[in-house]
Amino acid sequence: MSIGIYIHVPFCIKKCPYCDFISYPLSGPTVKSYLESLVREINLYGSALADEDKIITSIFFGGGTPTTLPAASFKTVLNEVRSSFFLTEGCEVTVEANPGTVDGPGLAELRQAGVNRLSIGVQSFNDRLLGMLGRIHSAEQAARSVQLARKAGFDNLNLDFIFGIPGQTNHDWRETLHKAVEMAPEHIAAYGLQLEKGTPLAQAVERGEICTCPEETEIIMYRDAVAFLNGHGYSHYEISNFARPGIQCAHNLVYWLNQPYLGFGPAAHSFIRGVRFSNDISLAGYSDKLSREEYPVENKIRLSEADEMSETMFLGLRLSGGVDLNRFYRRFGRWAEDIYSYEIAGLCNKGLLEMSGGYLRLTTKGLPLANVVFREFV
């Protein structure tokens, strides 16, 4: 059974006001403790898992801001993964990067360590909007980071962007899309801004200090992105993701196809053999358990077959190709059309889903209403 590995790097120079991911201020002693604990966790699972559960197709360093770590630490961590697991040929190794935390020598060191894909969190090529998002980089730094990555030898780049930012106009968004295509990345991700409860940006909106982007404007921005990027050779293979032919993100496909993965680091989540579990969110708790050679798991739940079928449906519907109905049958021994006959019929009648060639997929009308569709399968 092949799996993906996610490694959570819980450090940021400055936490963005819209972010609700687990992250902590950067400091030397905590980074040292984190890296020592991370190596222990990798070795712990490497010793305990059966060989068939240690075949790795993708590794993804996310955060937080992974590129706040010394570049040399990625070589150390990846060497530990290689010694504890079996990496497939061409294993995709991604590091998320903030343009304000990278330089030429550091990127070259990442590439030499075996990182073969970089995901750069640009978010916008508009400095005013970057300020609204609390980003530590400028549009110029973002463009420069792409140039530095190419010089370092990266030939698989993703650029992340956000639309629906308070104060963002359609013109602003189109300008960013044009500049993104000029950068010629292999992959582009375009996400609508989510105002997560409790974040500083959400609280500012609740106090009336900031006006949200109108929903109809967000829908126009989304449709503009789909049309523009499709027109420039990017395949719209997932709701928010676009790629040059054959260069989809292998790691994210693990999630969307509801396949197994292991998460290392504080607050990281895993899904192996029907069991979902998550790590202690605190650095102290995570490190303390591993210092005693204990798994740093905080929560664990065994999913029922009904849960797995539900997740396979709504995650698979994120893909433009949709849910492979034959694959669903091979996995569960039952046809999705029989289990969800009422839901599928209703959504098809509303024009939100369509069935064709053995796949169930969102329609053009259904794409902006994806969350409405997903709720039917939960």
Protein backbone atom coordinates (compact mmCIF):
# COMPACT_ATOMS: atom_id res chain seq x y z
CA MET A 1 0.00 0.00 0.00
CA SER A 2 1.60 3.28 -1.08
CA ILE A 3 1.11 6.37 1.07
CA GLY A 4 1.92 10.07 1.16
CA ILE A 5 3.83 11.79 3.95
CA TYR A 6 2.96 15.24 5.28
CA ILE A 7 5.44 17.04 7.54
CA HIS A 8 4.11 20.01 9.49
CA VAL A 9 6.59 22.80 10.16
CA PRO A 10 4.90 24.90 12.88
CA PHE A 11 6.91 28.11 12.68
CA CYS A 12 6.22 31.54 11.20
CA ILE A 13 8.06 34.84 11.33
CA LYS A 14 4.66 36.48 11.53
CA LYS A 15 1.24 34.82 11.55
CA CYS A 16 -1.08 36.06 8.80
CA PRO A 17 -4.37 37.51 10.12
CA TYR A 18 -6.50 35.11 8.03
CA CYS A 19 -4.64 31.92 9.02
CA ASP A 20 -5.97 29.41 11.56
CA PHE A 21 -3.28 26.75 11.06
CA ILE A 22 -1.15 25.75 14.05
CA SER A 23 2.04 27.80 14.11
CA TYR A 24 4.40 29.31 16.65
CA PRO A 25 6.98 32.12 16.74
CA LEU A 26 10.39 31.14 15.44
CA SER A 27 13.16 30.60 18.02
CA GLY A 28 16.39 28.65 18.00
CA PRO A 29 15.74 26.34 21.00
CA THR A 30 12.22 25.39 19.88
CA VAL A 31 13.41 24.66 16.33
CA LYS A 32 16.15 22.39 17.70
CA SER A 33 13.67 20.53 19.91
CA TYR A 34 11.18 20.23 17.06
CA LEU A 35 13.73 18.77 14.64
CA GLU A 36 15.00 16.24 17.19
CA SER A 37 11.42 15.18 17.94
CA LEU A 38 10.53 14.99 14.25
CA VAL A 39 13.41 12.59 13.60
CA ARG A 40 12.27 10.45 16.56
CA GLU A 41 8.72 10.31 15.20
CA ILE A 42 9.86 9.31 11.72
CA ASN A 43 12.03 6.54 13.16
CA LEU A 44 9.23 5.38 15.47
CA TYR A 45 6.80 4.81 12.61
CA GLY A 46 9.51 3.45 10.35
CA SER A 47 10.28 0.74 12.92
CA ALA A 48 6.64 -0.10 13.67
CA LEU A 49 4.94 -0.18 10.26
CA ALA A 50 4.92 -3.19 7.99
CA ASP A 51 7.03 -2.83 4.85
CA GLU A 52 3.91 -2.70 2.64
CA ASP A 53 2.76 0.42 4.53
CA LYS A 54 6.07 2.24 4.02
CA ILE A 55 6.04 2.79 0.24
CA ILE A 56 6.10 6.56 -0.22
CA THR A 57 4.86 8.31 -3.37
CA SER A 58 4.96 11.91 -2.10
CA ILE A 59 6.35 14.04 0.71
CA PHE A 60 4.96 17.48 1.50
CA PHE A 61 6.45 20.00 3.94
CA GLY A 62 3.68 22.42 4.94
CA GLY A 63 3.14 24.93 7.67
CA GLY A 64 3.47 27.36 9.16
CA THR A 65 6.35 28.44 6.97
CA PRO A 66 8.73 25.56 6.22
CA THR A 67 11.33 27.89 4.72
CA THR A 68 11.90 29.50 8.12
CA LEU A 69 13.94 26.36 8.92
CA PRO A 70 17.65 26.26 8.03
CA ALA A 71 17.92 24.76 4.56
CA ALA A 72 20.31 22.08 5.85
CA SER A 73 17.59 20.68 8.13
CA PHE A 74 15.60 19.44 5.10
CA LYS A 75 18.50 17.24 4.10
CA THR A 76 18.61 15.77 7.62
CA VAL A 77 14.86 15.09 7.70
CA LEU A 78 14.73 13.65 4.19
CA ASN A 79 17.67 11.35 4.93
CA GLU A 80 15.74 10.04 7.96
CA VAL A 81 12.67 9.44 5.81
CA ARG A 82 14.77 7.59 3.22
CA SER A 83 16.32 5.37 5.88
CA SER A 84 12.95 4.55 7.50
CA PHE A 85 10.69 4.26 4.44
CA PHE A 86 10.84 3.22 0.78
CA LEU A 87 10.59 6.12 -1.65
CA THR A 88 9.22 5.29 -5.09
CA GLU A 89 11.16 6.36 -8.16
CA GLY A 90 10.28 9.97 -8.94
CA CYS A 91 8.76 10.51 -5.48
CA GLU A 92 7.39 14.06 -5.40
CA VAL A 93 8.99 16.12 -2.60
CA THR A 94 7.34 19.51 -2.06
CA VAL A 95 8.27 22.37 0.24
CA GLU A 96 5.96 25.32 0.83
CA ALA A 97 7.93 28.57 0.60
CA ASN A 98 7.22 32.14 1.59
CA PRO A 99 8.88 34.66 -0.78
CA GLY A 100 10.06 36.64 2.24
CA THR A 101 12.05 33.71 3.64
CA VAL A 102 14.03 32.39 0.67
CA ASP A 103 17.31 33.23 -1.00
CA GLY A 104 19.41 31.73 -3.77
CA PRO A 105 21.84 29.65 -1.65
CA GLY A 106 19.00 28.29 0.52
CA LEU A 107 16.94 27.24 -2.50
CA ALA A 108 19.98 25.58 -4.08
CA GLU A 109 20.52 23.65 -0.84
CA LEU A 110 16.87 22.53 -0.85
CA ARG A 111 17.22 21.26 -4.40
CA GLN A 112 20.42 19.40 -3.56
CA ALA A 113 18.68 17.80 -0.56
CA GLY A 114 16.18 16.16 -2.91
CA VAL A 115 13.31 18.64 -2.89
CA ASN A 116 11.94 18.59 -6.45
CA ARG A 117 8.82 20.74 -6.17
CA LEU A 118 8.40 24.19 -4.63
CA SER A 119 5.06 25.72 -3.69
CA ILE A 120 5.45 29.49 -3.36
CA GLY A 121 2.81 31.38 -1.38
CA VAL A 122 2.55 34.48 -3.55
CA GLN A 123 -1.18 35.14 -2.80
CA SER A 124 -1.21 38.37 -4.84
CA PHE A 125 0.99 40.53 -7.05
CA ASN A 126 -0.63 43.63 -5.52
CA ASP A 127 1.24 45.17 -2.58
CA ARG A 128 -1.90 46.81 -1.16
CA LEU A 129 -3.65 43.44 -0.98
CA LEU A 130 -0.55 41.73 0.41
CA GLY A 131 -0.69 44.30 3.21
CA MET A 132 -4.36 43.49 3.83
CA LEU A 133 -3.39 39.82 4.15
CA GLY A 134 -0.51 40.63 6.51
CA ARG A 135 2.08 38.99 4.26
CA ILE A 136 5.76 39.69 4.98
CA HIS A 137 6.77 39.88 1.31
CA SER A 138 6.19 42.30 -1.54
CA ALA A 139 5.05 41.60 -5.09
CA GLU A 140 8.62 42.25 -6.26
CA GLN A 141 9.99 39.71 -3.77
CA ALA A 142 7.46 37.16 -4.99
CA ALA A 143 8.54 37.55 -8.59
CA ARG A 144 12.18 37.41 -7.52
CA SER A 145 11.60 34.16 -5.59
CA VAL A 146 10.37 32.50 -8.78
CA GLN A 147 13.54 33.59 -10.61
CA LEU A 148 15.72 32.31 -7.75
CA ALA A 149 13.88 28.97 -7.73
CA ARG A 150 14.47 28.49 -11.45
CA LYS A 151 18.14 29.38 -11.04
CA ALA A 152 18.40 26.81 -8.23
CA GLY A 153 17.16 24.11 -10.62
CA PHE A 154 13.48 23.78 -9.76
CA ASP A 155 11.49 22.76 -12.81
CA ASN A 156 8.23 22.09 -10.95
CA LEU A 157 6.80 25.21 -9.35
CA ASN A 158 3.39 25.92 -7.88
CA LEU A 159 2.24 29.46 -7.14
CA ASP A 160 -0.57 29.97 -4.61
CA PHE A 161 -3.04 32.85 -5.01
CA ILE A 162 -6.06 34.13 -3.08
CA PHE A 163 -9.14 35.87 -4.49
CA GLY A 164 -12.06 37.44 -2.67
CA ILE A 165 -9.75 39.60 -0.51
CA PRO A 166 -11.47 42.60 1.11
CA GLY A 167 -10.94 45.57 -1.20
CA GLN A 168 -9.86 43.42 -4.15
CA THR A 169 -11.40 44.33 -7.51
CA ASN A 170 -11.89 42.21 -10.60
CA HIS A 171 -9.16 44.31 -12.24
CA ASP A 172 -6.75 43.54 -9.36
CA TRP A 173 -7.41 39.82 -9.74
CA ARG A 174 -6.97 39.81 -13.52
CA GLU A 175 -3.67 41.67 -13.16
CA THR A 176 -2.41 39.01 -10.75
CA LEU A 177 -3.53 36.21 -13.10
CA HIS A 178 -1.68 37.85 -16.01
CA LYS A 179 1.51 38.18 -13.95
CA ALA A 180 1.15 34.60 -12.73
CA VAL A 181 1.08 33.28 -16.29
CA GLU A 182 4.06 35.46 -17.18
CA MET A 183 6.01 33.64 -14.43
CA ALA A 184 5.23 30.36 -16.30
CA PRO A 185 4.86 28.04 -13.29
CA GLU A 186 3.93 24.42 -13.90
CA HIS A 187 1.07 24.62 -11.41
CA ILE A 188 -1.23 27.36 -10.07
CA ALA A 189 -3.59 27.21 -7.09
CA ALA A 190 -6.35 29.82 -6.74
CA TYR A 191 -8.29 29.79 -3.49
CA GLY A 192 -11.18 31.93 -2.34
CA LEU A 193 -10.35 33.65 0.96
CA GLN A 194 -11.88 31.81 3.93
CA LEU A 195 -12.63 33.97 6.95
CA GLU A 196 -12.00 31.42 9.69
CA LYS A 197 -13.71 32.15 13.00
CA GLY A 198 -11.41 33.64 15.62
CA THR A 199 -8.75 34.90 13.21
CA PRO A 200 -7.86 38.62 13.39
CA LEU A 201 -9.22 39.26 9.88
CA ALA A 202 -12.54 37.59 10.68
CA GLN A 203 -12.79 39.58 13.91
CA ALA A 204 -12.13 42.84 12.04
CA VAL A 205 -14.99 41.97 9.68
CA GLU A 206 -17.29 41.19 12.63
CA ARG A 207 -16.47 44.60 14.15
CA GLY A 208 -17.36 46.28 10.87
CA GLU A 209 -13.82 47.58 10.30
CA ILE A 210 -13.46 45.69 7.00
CA CYS A 211 -16.05 44.86 4.36
CA THR A 212 -15.96 41.40 2.83
CA CYS A 213 -15.77 40.85 -0.90
CA PRO A 214 -19.32 40.39 -2.27
CA GLU A 215 -20.17 36.76 -3.05
CA GLU A 216 -21.14 37.56 -6.63
CA THR A 217 -17.75 39.24 -7.16
CA GLU A 218 -15.99 36.15 -5.82
CA ILE A 219 -17.89 33.96 -8.27
CA ILE A 220 -16.88 36.22 -11.15
CA MET A 221 -13.25 36.09 -10.00
CA TYR A 222 -13.37 32.31 -9.83
CA ARG A 223 -14.88 31.97 -13.30
CA ASP A 224 -12.34 34.47 -14.65
CA ALA A 225 -9.52 32.34 -13.24
CA VAL A 226 -10.90 29.15 -14.79
CA ALA A 227 -11.39 30.71 -18.22
CA PHE A 228 -8.08 32.60 -18.23
CA LEU A 229 -5.89 29.74 -17.00
CA ASN A 230 -7.58 27.18 -19.24
CA GLY A 231 -6.92 29.55 -22.13
CA HIS A 232 -3.21 29.63 -21.26
CA GLY A 233 -2.63 25.89 -21.21
CA TYR A 234 -3.45 25.07 -17.59
CA SER A 235 -5.78 22.13 -17.04
CA HIS A 236 -8.40 22.79 -14.36
CA TYR A 237 -8.05 19.40 -12.69
CA GLU A 238 -9.41 20.26 -9.22
CA ILE A 239 -11.75 22.96 -7.93
CA SER A 240 -8.91 25.31 -6.98
CA ASN A 241 -5.96 23.83 -8.87
CA PHE A 242 -4.58 24.16 -12.38
CA ALA A 243 -1.61 22.38 -13.94
CA ARG A 244 0.32 21.97 -17.14
CA PRO A 245 -0.49 18.57 -18.70
CA GLY A 246 0.89 15.73 -16.58
CA ILE A 247 2.13 17.97 -13.75
CA GLN A 248 -0.68 17.71 -11.21
CA CYS A 249 0.27 17.71 -7.53
CA ALA A 250 0.76 14.04 -6.63
CA HIS A 251 0.51 14.71 -2.90
CA ASN A 252 -2.81 16.53 -3.05
CA LEU A 253 -4.21 13.76 -5.24
CA VAL A 254 -3.58 11.41 -2.29
CA TYR A 255 -6.09 13.48 -0.28
CA TRP A 256 -8.65 13.94 -3.05
CA LEU A 257 -8.63 10.22 -3.87
CA ASN A 258 -9.01 9.48 -0.13
CA GLN A 259 -5.82 7.44 -0.03
CA PRO A 260 -3.66 6.79 3.07
CA TYR A 261 -1.14 9.28 4.40
CA LEU A 262 1.05 9.80 7.45
CA GLY A 263 1.46 13.17 9.12
CA PHE A 264 4.56 14.07 11.15
CA GLY A 265 4.97 17.10 13.40
CA PRO A 266 2.71 18.91 15.88
CA ALA A 267 -0.99 18.96 14.85
CA ALA A 268 -0.30 16.75 11.81
CA HIS A 269 -3.10 14.39 10.74
CA SER A 270 -2.84 10.82 9.43
CA PHE A 271 -5.15 8.31 7.77
CA ILE A 272 -3.93 4.70 7.65
CA ARG A 273 -6.00 1.52 7.21
CA GLY A 274 -9.29 3.16 8.08
CA VAL A 275 -7.98 4.98 11.17
CA ARG A 276 -7.68 8.75 11.34
CA PHE A 277 -5.50 10.27 14.03
CA SER A 278 -3.90 13.61 14.84
CA ASN A 279 -0.88 14.70 16.84
CA ASP A 280 -0.66 16.88 19.92
CA ILE A 281 -0.94 20.50 18.76
CA SER A 282 1.54 21.89 21.29
CA LEU A 283 5.27 21.78 20.68
CA ALA A 284 5.89 20.91 24.32
CA GLY A 285 3.39 18.06 24.38
CA TYR A 286 4.56 16.70 21.05
CA SER A 287 8.22 16.73 22.07
CA ASP A 288 7.57 15.39 25.57
CA LYS A 289 5.77 12.27 24.30
CA LEU A 290 8.44 11.53 21.73
CA SER A 291 11.21 11.97 24.32
CA ARG A 292 9.59 8.97 26.08
CA GLU A 293 9.39 7.05 22.79
CA GLU A 294 5.60 7.43 22.80
CA TYR A 295 3.47 8.25 19.78
CA PRO A 296 2.48 11.95 19.98
CA VAL A 297 -1.14 11.14 19.08
CA GLU A 298 -3.87 13.21 20.69
CA ASN A 299 -7.02 11.97 18.92
CA LYS A 300 -7.81 8.75 17.10
CA ILE A 301 -10.95 7.46 15.41
CA ARG A 302 -11.71 4.40 13.31
CA LEU A 303 -13.90 5.34 10.39
CA SER A 304 -16.89 3.21 9.50
CA GLU A 305 -17.22 2.01 5.93
CA ALA A 306 -20.05 4.52 5.52
CA ASP A 307 -17.68 7.30 6.61
CA GLU A 308 -15.03 6.20 4.11
CA MET A 309 -17.58 6.02 1.30
CA SER A 310 -18.90 9.49 2.15
CA GLU A 311 -15.40 10.99 2.17
CA THR A 312 -14.48 9.23 -1.07
CA MET A 313 -17.50 10.86 -2.70
CA PHE A 314 -17.12 14.46 -1.59
CA LEU A 315 -13.33 14.49 -1.89
CA GLY A 316 -13.45 12.88 -5.33
CA LEU A 317 -16.00 15.40 -6.53
CA ARG A 318 -13.37 18.11 -5.99
CA LEU A 319 -11.59 16.69 -9.03
CA SER A 320 -12.73 17.95 -12.41
CA GLY A 321 -12.73 14.35 -13.63
CA GLY A 322 -14.99 13.49 -10.73
CA VAL A 323 -15.50 10.22 -8.87
CA ASP A 324 -14.41 7.11 -10.75
CA LEU A 325 -17.47 4.92 -10.15
CA ASN A 326 -15.69 1.69 -11.09
CA ARG A 327 -12.85 2.50 -8.70
CA PHE A 328 -15.43 3.18 -5.98
CA TYR A 329 -16.94 -0.27 -6.61
CA ARG A 330 -13.54 -1.99 -6.50
CA ARG A 331 -12.80 -0.34 -3.16
CA PHE A 332 -16.13 -0.91 -1.43
CA GLY A 333 -17.84 -3.69 -3.35
CA ARG A 334 -20.92 -1.53 -3.85
CA TRP A 335 -21.99 0.96 -6.50
CA ALA A 336 -22.10 4.62 -5.50
CA GLU A 337 -25.17 5.02 -7.74
CA ASP A 338 -27.04 2.56 -5.51
CA ILE A 339 -25.89 3.94 -2.16
CA TYR A 340 -26.51 7.59 -3.08
CA SER A 341 -29.26 7.16 -5.65
CA TYR A 342 -31.53 9.81 -4.09
CA GLU A 343 -28.75 12.39 -3.65
CA ILE A 344 -27.30 11.85 -7.13
CA ALA A 345 -30.70 12.02 -8.84
CA GLY A 346 -31.61 15.25 -7.06
CA LEU A 347 -28.31 16.98 -7.82
CA CYS A 348 -28.37 15.84 -11.47
CA ASN A 349 -31.91 17.18 -11.82
CA LYS A 350 -30.71 20.55 -10.48
CA GLY A 351 -27.89 20.58 -13.04
CA LEU A 352 -25.15 20.47 -10.40
CA LEU A 353 -23.86 16.96 -11.17
CA GLU A 354 -23.53 14.89 -14.33
CA MET A 355 -22.71 11.25 -14.97
CA SER A 356 -20.68 10.33 -18.03
CA GLY A 357 -18.20 7.62 -19.05
CA GLY A 358 -18.22 5.95 -15.64
CA TYR A 359 -17.56 9.18 -13.72
CA LEU A 360 -19.75 11.40 -11.56
CA ARG A 361 -18.63 15.02 -11.70
CA LEU A 362 -19.62 18.59 -10.95
CA THR A 363 -21.07 20.56 -13.84
CA THR A 364 -19.99 24.07 -14.76
CA LYS A 365 -23.03 25.28 -12.84
CA GLY A 366 -22.10 23.09 -9.88
CA LEU A 367 -18.49 24.22 -9.53
CA PRO A 368 -19.18 27.50 -7.67
CA LEU A 369 -21.77 25.63 -5.56
CA ALA A 370 -19.50 22.71 -4.70
CA ASN A 371 -20.03 22.98 -0.95
CA VAL A 372 -23.78 22.67 -1.47
CA VAL A 373 -23.17 19.45 -3.41
CA PHE A 374 -20.68 18.04 -0.89
CA ARG A 375 -23.14 18.43 2.00
CA GLU A 376 -25.45 15.93 0.31
CA PHE A 377 -22.84 13.20 0.80
CA VAL A 378 -21.91 13.96 4.41
